[in-house]
Amino acid sequence: MPTAILVRHGRSTANADGVLAGWSPGVALDATGRAQATALAARLSALPLAVVVSSPLQRCQETVRPLLDTRPDLTLRTDDRIGECHYGDWTGRKLSELAEEPLWATVQRHPSAAVFPGEHGESMRAMQARAVDAVREWNATVEAEHGPDALYLLCSHGDIIKALAADALGMHLDLFQRIGTDPCSVTVIRYTPHRPFLLRLGDTGDLSPLVPREPQVEGAPHDAVVGGSTGAP
């Protein structure tokens, strides 16, 4: 099955201002975020990406634009299911204010019970479920079109990527706040018929070891390496 490269969008104007952007329109990358996106394109340049999928939100689309500009072989596909959590009435508010809300403690300590207030508020369980469903469907699509060893990229948001990493690790959603993903960081999950492998988490360094290579050990490609991976040859 394919390997999913999950990219959190670069730093946005809302990140810089300490605001929970959610699905607010017009939230763009700031100068730091644009520089991060340019650097990301260089980091990904050696990878044979099959597909680029993005959240529909502007900050994600801007993050992958430098990559697409240098890779005419790639086209952008959009999927609402990897869009940001619907934070309801919390959307657009300062994080410093939200930290005083009773729900904040639930989001931090028992997120599987958290439902954001308001007509458009979403539960964190629903957020994770839709994101996992999206990745599983993209895995099948990418494998059918490009083969089981394909690499593809999904550009999404912090809570979405943390929820996907927790799912890959077999962690309960209540533990997902232990995971961190910085702006424009890369989290990589290799999916197999029996289990996912978390290859990178919030990575900001060299990605060249992700280029597919011939198997270096005996056993099925979905087996874990006994004693630990030997790393890049």
C-alpha atoms as a PDB file:
ATOM      1  CA  MET A   1       0.000   0.000   0.000  1.00  0.00           C
ATOM      2  CA  PRO A   2       1.174   3.582  -0.563  1.00  0.00           C
ATOM      3  CA  THR A   3       3.102   5.853   1.775  1.00  0.00           C
ATOM      4  CA  ALA A   4       1.279   9.029   2.799  1.00  0.00           C
ATOM      5  CA  ILE A   5       3.356  12.154   3.375  1.00  0.00           C
ATOM      6  CA  LEU A   6       1.296  14.407   5.632  1.00  0.00           C
ATOM      7  CA  VAL A   7       2.326  18.061   5.533  1.00  0.00           C
ATOM      8  CA  ARG A   8       0.998  20.609   7.943  1.00  0.00           C
ATOM      9  CA  HIS A   9       0.512  23.989   6.268  1.00  0.00           C
ATOM     10  CA  GLY A  10       3.126  26.672   6.823  1.00  0.00           C
ATOM     11  CA  ARG A  11       2.726  29.339   9.465  1.00  0.00           C
ATOM     12  CA  SER A  12      -0.381  31.391   8.828  1.00  0.00           C
ATOM     13  CA  THR A  13      -1.415  34.889   9.826  1.00  0.00           C
ATOM     14  CA  ALA A  14      -3.772  33.275  12.362  1.00  0.00           C
ATOM     15  CA  ASN A  15      -0.922  31.212  13.840  1.00  0.00           C
ATOM     16  CA  ALA A  16       1.145  34.361  14.234  1.00  0.00           C
ATOM     17  CA  ASP A  17      -1.752  36.191  15.912  1.00  0.00           C
ATOM     18  CA  GLY A  18      -2.688  33.327  18.249  1.00  0.00           C
ATOM     19  CA  VAL A  19      -6.125  32.895  16.662  1.00  0.00           C
ATOM     20  CA  LEU A  20      -7.989  29.614  16.089  1.00  0.00           C
ATOM     21  CA  ALA A  21      -8.597  29.928  12.354  1.00  0.00           C
ATOM     22  CA  GLY A  22     -10.727  26.860  11.700  1.00  0.00           C
ATOM     23  CA  TRP A  23     -12.571  27.284   8.403  1.00  0.00           C
ATOM     24  CA  SER A  24     -12.348  31.096   8.419  1.00  0.00           C
ATOM     25  CA  PRO A  25     -11.913  32.337   4.839  1.00  0.00           C
ATOM     26  CA  GLY A  26      -8.888  34.328   3.745  1.00  0.00           C
ATOM     27  CA  VAL A  27      -6.386  32.970   6.269  1.00  0.00           C
ATOM     28  CA  ALA A  28      -3.119  33.076   4.324  1.00  0.00           C
ATOM     29  CA  LEU A  29       0.486  32.168   5.016  1.00  0.00           C
ATOM     30  CA  ASP A  30       2.554  34.935   6.570  1.00  0.00           C
ATOM     31  CA  ALA A  31       6.098  35.726   5.415  1.00  0.00           C
ATOM     32  CA  THR A  32       7.543  32.937   7.566  1.00  0.00           C
ATOM     33  CA  GLY A  33       4.987  30.482   6.212  1.00  0.00           C
ATOM     34  CA  ARG A  34       5.773  31.401   2.620  1.00  0.00           C
ATOM     35  CA  ALA A  35       9.472  30.814   3.267  1.00  0.00           C
ATOM     36  CA  GLN A  36       8.626  27.471   4.860  1.00  0.00           C
ATOM     37  CA  ALA A  37       6.586  26.471   1.816  1.00  0.00           C
ATOM     38  CA  THR A  38       9.466  27.320  -0.510  1.00  0.00           C
ATOM     39  CA  ALA A  39      11.872  25.283   1.604  1.00  0.00           C
ATOM     40  CA  LEU A  40       9.395  22.406   1.686  1.00  0.00           C
ATOM     41  CA  ALA A  41       9.353  22.228  -2.112  1.00  0.00           C
ATOM     42  CA  ALA A  42      13.124  21.802  -2.090  1.00  0.00           C
ATOM     43  CA  ARG A  43      12.947  19.117   0.589  1.00  0.00           C
ATOM     44  CA  LEU A  44      10.414  17.165  -1.455  1.00  0.00           C
ATOM     45  CA  SER A  45      12.155  17.606  -4.800  1.00  0.00           C
ATOM     46  CA  ALA A  46      13.842  14.181  -4.784  1.00  0.00           C
ATOM     47  CA  LEU A  47      10.689  12.252  -3.983  1.00  0.00           C
ATOM     48  CA  PRO A  48       8.702  10.556  -6.798  1.00  0.00           C
ATOM     49  CA  LEU A  49       5.346  11.868  -5.663  1.00  0.00           C
ATOM     50  CA  ALA A  50       2.354  10.378  -7.436  1.00  0.00           C
ATOM     51  CA  VAL A  51      -0.403  12.699  -6.208  1.00  0.00           C
ATOM     52  CA  VAL A  52      -0.780  15.888  -4.186  1.00  0.00           C
ATOM     53  CA  VAL A  53      -3.991  16.223  -2.175  1.00  0.00           C
ATOM     54  CA  SER A  54      -4.828  19.312  -0.145  1.00  0.00           C
ATOM     55  CA  SER A  55      -7.354  20.672   2.270  1.00  0.00           C
ATOM     56  CA  PRO A  56      -9.474  23.265   0.455  1.00  0.00           C
ATOM     57  CA  LEU A  57      -8.362  25.998   2.843  1.00  0.00           C
ATOM     58  CA  GLN A  58      -6.149  28.766   1.499  1.00  0.00           C
ATOM     59  CA  ARG A  59      -3.214  28.211   3.843  1.00  0.00           C
ATOM     60  CA  CYS A  60      -2.830  24.614   2.684  1.00  0.00           C
ATOM     61  CA  GLN A  61      -3.208  25.468  -0.999  1.00  0.00           C
ATOM     62  CA  GLU A  62      -0.529  28.146  -0.614  1.00  0.00           C
ATOM     63  CA  THR A  63       1.781  25.674   1.129  1.00  0.00           C
ATOM     64  CA  VAL A  64       1.836  23.246  -1.800  1.00  0.00           C
ATOM     65  CA  ARG A  65       1.952  25.921  -4.528  1.00  0.00           C
ATOM     66  CA  PRO A  66       5.789  26.222  -4.666  1.00  0.00           C
ATOM     67  CA  LEU A  67       6.005  22.441  -5.010  1.00  0.00           C
ATOM     68  CA  LEU A  68       3.445  22.362  -7.807  1.00  0.00           C
ATOM     69  CA  ASP A  69       5.179  25.252  -9.567  1.00  0.00           C
ATOM     70  CA  THR A  70       8.384  23.195  -9.777  1.00  0.00           C
ATOM     71  CA  ARG A  71       6.669  19.896 -10.572  1.00  0.00           C
ATOM     72  CA  PRO A  72       4.528  20.222 -13.710  1.00  0.00           C
ATOM     73  CA  ASP A  73       3.932  16.467 -13.589  1.00  0.00           C
ATOM     74  CA  LEU A  74       1.763  16.944 -10.490  1.00  0.00           C
ATOM     75  CA  THR A  75      -1.793  18.215 -10.311  1.00  0.00           C
ATOM     76  CA  LEU A  76      -3.574  19.329  -7.177  1.00  0.00           C
ATOM     77  CA  ARG A  77      -6.552  17.405  -5.868  1.00  0.00           C
ATOM     78  CA  THR A  78      -8.695  18.751  -3.049  1.00  0.00           C
ATOM     79  CA  ASP A  79     -10.510  16.849  -0.316  1.00  0.00           C
ATOM     80  CA  ASP A  80     -12.749  18.528   2.266  1.00  0.00           C
ATOM     81  CA  ARG A  81     -12.321  15.551   4.598  1.00  0.00           C
ATOM     82  CA  ILE A  82      -8.750  16.585   5.404  1.00  0.00           C
ATOM     83  CA  GLY A  83      -9.866  20.163   6.014  1.00  0.00           C
ATOM     84  CA  GLU A  84      -9.533  21.697   9.451  1.00  0.00           C
ATOM     85  CA  CYS A  85     -11.758  20.660  12.338  1.00  0.00           C
ATOM     86  CA  HIS A  86     -15.028  22.593  12.408  1.00  0.00           C
ATOM     87  CA  TYR A  87     -14.556  24.533  15.633  1.00  0.00           C
ATOM     88  CA  GLY A  88     -18.002  26.120  15.574  1.00  0.00           C
ATOM     89  CA  ASP A  89     -18.316  29.165  17.803  1.00  0.00           C
ATOM     90  CA  TRP A  90     -14.638  28.906  18.736  1.00  0.00           C
ATOM     91  CA  THR A  91     -13.635  29.841  15.190  1.00  0.00           C
ATOM     92  CA  GLY A  92     -11.756  33.122  14.921  1.00  0.00           C
ATOM     93  CA  ARG A  93     -11.259  33.559  18.662  1.00  0.00           C
ATOM     94  CA  LYS A  94      -7.969  34.090  20.482  1.00  0.00           C
ATOM     95  CA  LEU A  95      -6.432  30.950  21.923  1.00  0.00           C
ATOM     96  CA  SER A  96      -5.664  32.857  25.125  1.00  0.00           C
ATOM     97  CA  GLU A  97      -9.407  33.454  25.575  1.00  0.00           C
ATOM     98  CA  LEU A  98     -10.383  29.902  24.679  1.00  0.00           C
ATOM     99  CA  ALA A  99      -8.015  28.541  27.314  1.00  0.00           C
ATOM    100  CA  GLU A 100     -10.389  30.002  29.923  1.00  0.00           C
ATOM    101  CA  GLU A 101     -13.393  28.066  28.570  1.00  0.00           C
ATOM    102  CA  PRO A 102     -14.499  24.900  30.461  1.00  0.00           C
ATOM    103  CA  LEU A 103     -14.385  22.932  27.184  1.00  0.00           C
ATOM    104  CA  TRP A 104     -10.656  23.641  26.869  1.00  0.00           C
ATOM    105  CA  ALA A 105      -9.846  21.115  29.602  1.00  0.00           C
ATOM    106  CA  THR A 106     -11.924  18.470  27.811  1.00  0.00           C
ATOM    107  CA  VAL A 107     -10.130  19.148  24.527  1.00  0.00           C
ATOM    108  CA  GLN A 108      -6.801  18.728  26.304  1.00  0.00           C
ATOM    109  CA  ARG A 109      -7.541  15.745  28.545  1.00  0.00           C
ATOM    110  CA  HIS A 110     -10.511  13.891  27.035  1.00  0.00           C
ATOM    111  CA  PRO A 111     -10.754  14.976  23.385  1.00  0.00           C
ATOM    112  CA  SER A 112     -12.901  12.010  22.403  1.00  0.00           C
ATOM    113  CA  ALA A 113     -15.681  13.666  24.435  1.00  0.00           C
ATOM    114  CA  ALA A 114     -15.149  17.143  22.958  1.00  0.00           C
ATOM    115  CA  VAL A 115     -17.838  18.650  20.731  1.00  0.00           C
ATOM    116  CA  PHE A 116     -17.295  22.235  19.655  1.00  0.00           C
ATOM    117  CA  PRO A 117     -20.222  24.570  20.320  1.00  0.00           C
ATOM    118  CA  GLY A 118     -22.517  26.156  17.779  1.00  0.00           C
ATOM    119  CA  GLU A 119     -24.444  25.113  14.704  1.00  0.00           C
ATOM    120  CA  HIS A 120     -21.318  24.146  12.767  1.00  0.00           C
ATOM    121  CA  GLY A 121     -19.356  22.650  15.656  1.00  0.00           C
ATOM    122  CA  GLU A 122     -17.849  19.203  15.129  1.00  0.00           C
ATOM    123  CA  SER A 123     -16.797  16.506  17.544  1.00  0.00           C
ATOM    124  CA  MET A 124     -13.141  15.509  17.579  1.00  0.00           C
ATOM    125  CA  ARG A 125     -14.225  11.893  17.067  1.00  0.00           C
ATOM    126  CA  ALA A 126     -15.954  12.875  13.833  1.00  0.00           C
ATOM    127  CA  MET A 127     -12.912  14.874  12.755  1.00  0.00           C
ATOM    128  CA  GLN A 128     -10.655  11.856  13.158  1.00  0.00           C
ATOM    129  CA  ALA A 129     -13.101   9.457  11.503  1.00  0.00           C
ATOM    130  CA  ARG A 130     -13.479  11.546   8.349  1.00  0.00           C
ATOM    131  CA  ALA A 131      -9.726  12.072   8.044  1.00  0.00           C
ATOM    132  CA  VAL A 132      -8.961   8.371   8.474  1.00  0.00           C
ATOM    133  CA  ASP A 133     -11.642   7.487   5.920  1.00  0.00           C
ATOM    134  CA  ALA A 134     -10.130   9.978   3.481  1.00  0.00           C
ATOM    135  CA  VAL A 135      -6.615   8.579   3.804  1.00  0.00           C
ATOM    136  CA  ARG A 136      -7.805   4.988   3.439  1.00  0.00           C
ATOM    137  CA  GLU A 137      -9.682   5.894   0.265  1.00  0.00           C
ATOM    138  CA  TRP A 138      -6.715   7.808  -1.133  1.00  0.00           C
ATOM    139  CA  ASN A 139      -4.491   4.818  -0.358  1.00  0.00           C
ATOM    140  CA  ALA A 140      -6.725   2.628  -2.523  1.00  0.00           C
ATOM    141  CA  THR A 141      -6.939   5.201  -5.313  1.00  0.00           C
ATOM    142  CA  VAL A 142      -3.198   5.883  -5.397  1.00  0.00           C
ATOM    143  CA  GLU A 143      -2.346   2.191  -5.306  1.00  0.00           C
ATOM    144  CA  ALA A 144      -4.748   1.452  -8.167  1.00  0.00           C
ATOM    145  CA  GLU A 145      -3.305   4.284 -10.280  1.00  0.00           C
ATOM    146  CA  HIS A 146       0.387   4.191  -9.336  1.00  0.00           C
ATOM    147  CA  GLY A 147       1.155   0.889  -7.612  1.00  0.00           C
ATOM    148  CA  PRO A 148       1.691  -0.237  -4.011  1.00  0.00           C
ATOM    149  CA  ASP A 149       5.046   1.520  -3.533  1.00  0.00           C
ATOM    150  CA  ALA A 150       3.771   4.980  -4.485  1.00  0.00           C
ATOM    151  CA  LEU A 151       4.377   8.072  -2.389  1.00  0.00           C
ATOM    152  CA  TYR A 152       1.706  10.741  -2.208  1.00  0.00           C
ATOM    153  CA  LEU A 153       1.283  13.965  -0.292  1.00  0.00           C
ATOM    154  CA  LEU A 154      -1.611  15.299   1.752  1.00  0.00           C
ATOM    155  CA  CYS A 155      -1.451  18.882   3.001  1.00  0.00           C
ATOM    156  CA  SER A 156      -3.648  19.375   6.027  1.00  0.00           C
ATOM    157  CA  HIS A 157      -3.852  20.845   9.527  1.00  0.00           C
ATOM    158  CA  GLY A 158      -2.346  20.197  12.930  1.00  0.00           C
ATOM    159  CA  ASP A 159      -5.248  18.446  14.646  1.00  0.00           C
ATOM    160  CA  ILE A 160      -6.007  16.370  11.543  1.00  0.00           C
ATOM    161  CA  ILE A 161      -2.415  15.161  11.234  1.00  0.00           C
ATOM    162  CA  LYS A 162      -2.162  14.421  14.956  1.00  0.00           C
ATOM    163  CA  ALA A 163      -5.386  12.407  14.749  1.00  0.00           C
ATOM    164  CA  LEU A 164      -4.058  10.427  11.765  1.00  0.00           C
ATOM    165  CA  ALA A 165      -0.783   9.748  13.552  1.00  0.00           C
ATOM    166  CA  ALA A 166      -2.669   8.540  16.625  1.00  0.00           C
ATOM    167  CA  ASP A 167      -4.714   6.200  14.443  1.00  0.00           C
ATOM    168  CA  ALA A 168      -1.542   4.836  12.829  1.00  0.00           C
ATOM    169  CA  LEU A 169      -0.019   4.208  16.253  1.00  0.00           C
ATOM    170  CA  GLY A 170      -3.147   2.510  17.577  1.00  0.00           C
ATOM    171  CA  MET A 171      -3.480   5.270  20.180  1.00  0.00           C
ATOM    172  CA  HIS A 172      -6.811   6.289  21.631  1.00  0.00           C
ATOM    173  CA  LEU A 173      -7.868   9.749  20.530  1.00  0.00           C
ATOM    174  CA  ASP A 174      -7.657  10.828  24.168  1.00  0.00           C
ATOM    175  CA  LEU A 175      -3.855  10.567  23.871  1.00  0.00           C
ATOM    176  CA  PHE A 176      -3.448  12.516  20.640  1.00  0.00           C
ATOM    177  CA  GLN A 177      -2.579  15.771  22.390  1.00  0.00           C
ATOM    178  CA  ARG A 178       0.762  14.153  23.247  1.00  0.00           C
ATOM    179  CA  ILE A 179       1.708  14.496  19.568  1.00  0.00           C
ATOM    180  CA  GLY A 180       3.208  17.674  18.139  1.00  0.00           C
ATOM    181  CA  THR A 181       3.330  18.926  14.538  1.00  0.00           C
ATOM    182  CA  ASP A 182       4.979  22.261  13.781  1.00  0.00           C
ATOM    183  CA  PRO A 183       3.990  24.404  10.791  1.00  0.00           C
ATOM    184  CA  CYS A 184       5.269  22.923   7.524  1.00  0.00           C
ATOM    185  CA  SER A 185       6.480  19.785   9.290  1.00  0.00           C
ATOM    186  CA  VAL A 186       6.223  16.379   7.630  1.00  0.00           C
ATOM    187  CA  THR A 187       4.643  13.273   9.139  1.00  0.00           C
ATOM    188  CA  VAL A 188       4.968  10.083   7.101  1.00  0.00           C
ATOM    189  CA  ILE A 189       2.874   6.929   7.394  1.00  0.00           C
ATOM    190  CA  ARG A 190       3.547   3.830   5.324  1.00  0.00           C
ATOM    191  CA  TYR A 191       0.399   1.750   5.113  1.00  0.00           C
ATOM    192  CA  THR A 192       0.454  -2.029   4.673  1.00  0.00           C
ATOM    193  CA  PRO A 193      -2.286  -4.693   4.648  1.00  0.00           C
ATOM    194  CA  HIS A 194      -1.557  -5.543   8.296  1.00  0.00           C
ATOM    195  CA  ARG A 195      -0.451  -2.336  10.021  1.00  0.00           C
ATOM    196  CA  PRO A 196       0.690   1.226   9.377  1.00  0.00           C
ATOM    197  CA  PHE A 197       4.279   2.269  10.089  1.00  0.00           C
ATOM    198  CA  LEU A 198       4.922   5.800  11.363  1.00  0.00           C
ATOM    199  CA  LEU A 199       8.176   6.744   9.590  1.00  0.00           C
ATOM    200  CA  ARG A 200       8.343  10.455  10.436  1.00  0.00           C
ATOM    201  CA  LEU A 201       6.563  12.622  12.978  1.00  0.00           C
ATOM    202  CA  GLY A 202       6.743  16.390  12.740  1.00  0.00           C
ATOM    203  CA  ASP A 203       9.949  16.103  10.717  1.00  0.00           C
ATOM    204  CA  THR A 204      11.712  19.190   9.379  1.00  0.00           C
ATOM    205  CA  GLY A 205      14.906  17.551   8.055  1.00  0.00           C
ATOM    206  CA  ASP A 206      16.153  15.375   5.184  1.00  0.00           C
ATOM    207  CA  LEU A 207      13.476  13.344   3.408  1.00  0.00           C
ATOM    208  CA  SER A 208      15.665  11.552   0.843  1.00  0.00           C
ATOM    209  CA  PRO A 209      15.574   8.205   2.732  1.00  0.00           C
ATOM    210  CA  LEU A 210      11.878   7.980   1.775  1.00  0.00           C
ATOM    211  CA  VAL A 211      12.753   7.302  -1.889  1.00  0.00           C
ATOM    212  CA  PRO A 212      11.621   3.686  -2.508  1.00  0.00           C
ATOM    213  CA  ARG A 213      14.478   1.162  -2.529  1.00  0.00           C
ATOM    214  CA  GLU A 214      14.870  -2.561  -2.906  1.00  0.00           C
ATOM    215  CA  PRO A 215      14.067  -4.439   0.338  1.00  0.00           C
ATOM    216  CA  GLN A 216      17.154  -4.709   2.534  1.00  0.00           C
ATOM    217  CA  VAL A 217      15.933  -7.494   4.817  1.00  0.00           C
ATOM    218  CA  GLU A 218      14.211 -10.850   4.491  1.00  0.00           C
ATOM    219  CA  GLY A 219      10.502 -11.138   5.176  1.00  0.00           C
ATOM    220  CA  ALA A 220       7.328  -9.589   3.898  1.00  0.00           C
ATOM    221  CA  PRO A 221       7.377  -5.844   3.104  1.00  0.00           C
ATOM    222  CA  HIS A 222       4.822  -5.253   5.853  1.00  0.00           C
ATOM    223  CA  ASP A 223       6.980  -6.904   8.549  1.00  0.00           C
ATOM    224  CA  ALA A 224       8.778  -4.831  11.182  1.00  0.00           C
ATOM    225  CA  VAL A 225      12.571  -5.181  11.219  1.00  0.00           C
ATOM    226  CA  VAL A 226      13.577  -7.256  14.237  1.00  0.00           C
ATOM    227  CA  GLY A 227      16.104  -5.287  16.255  1.00  0.00           C
ATOM    228  CA  GLY A 228      15.141  -2.034  14.547  1.00  0.00           C
ATOM    229  CA  SER A 229      15.534  -0.451  11.122  1.00  0.00           C
ATOM    230  CA  THR A 230      19.045   0.002   9.754  1.00  0.00           C
ATOM    231  CA  GLY A 231      18.046   3.339   8.269  1.00  0.00           C
ATOM    232  CA  ALA A 232      19.052   4.645   4.860  1.00  0.00           C
ATOM    233  CA  PRO A 233      21.778   2.655   3.064  1.00  0.00           C
END
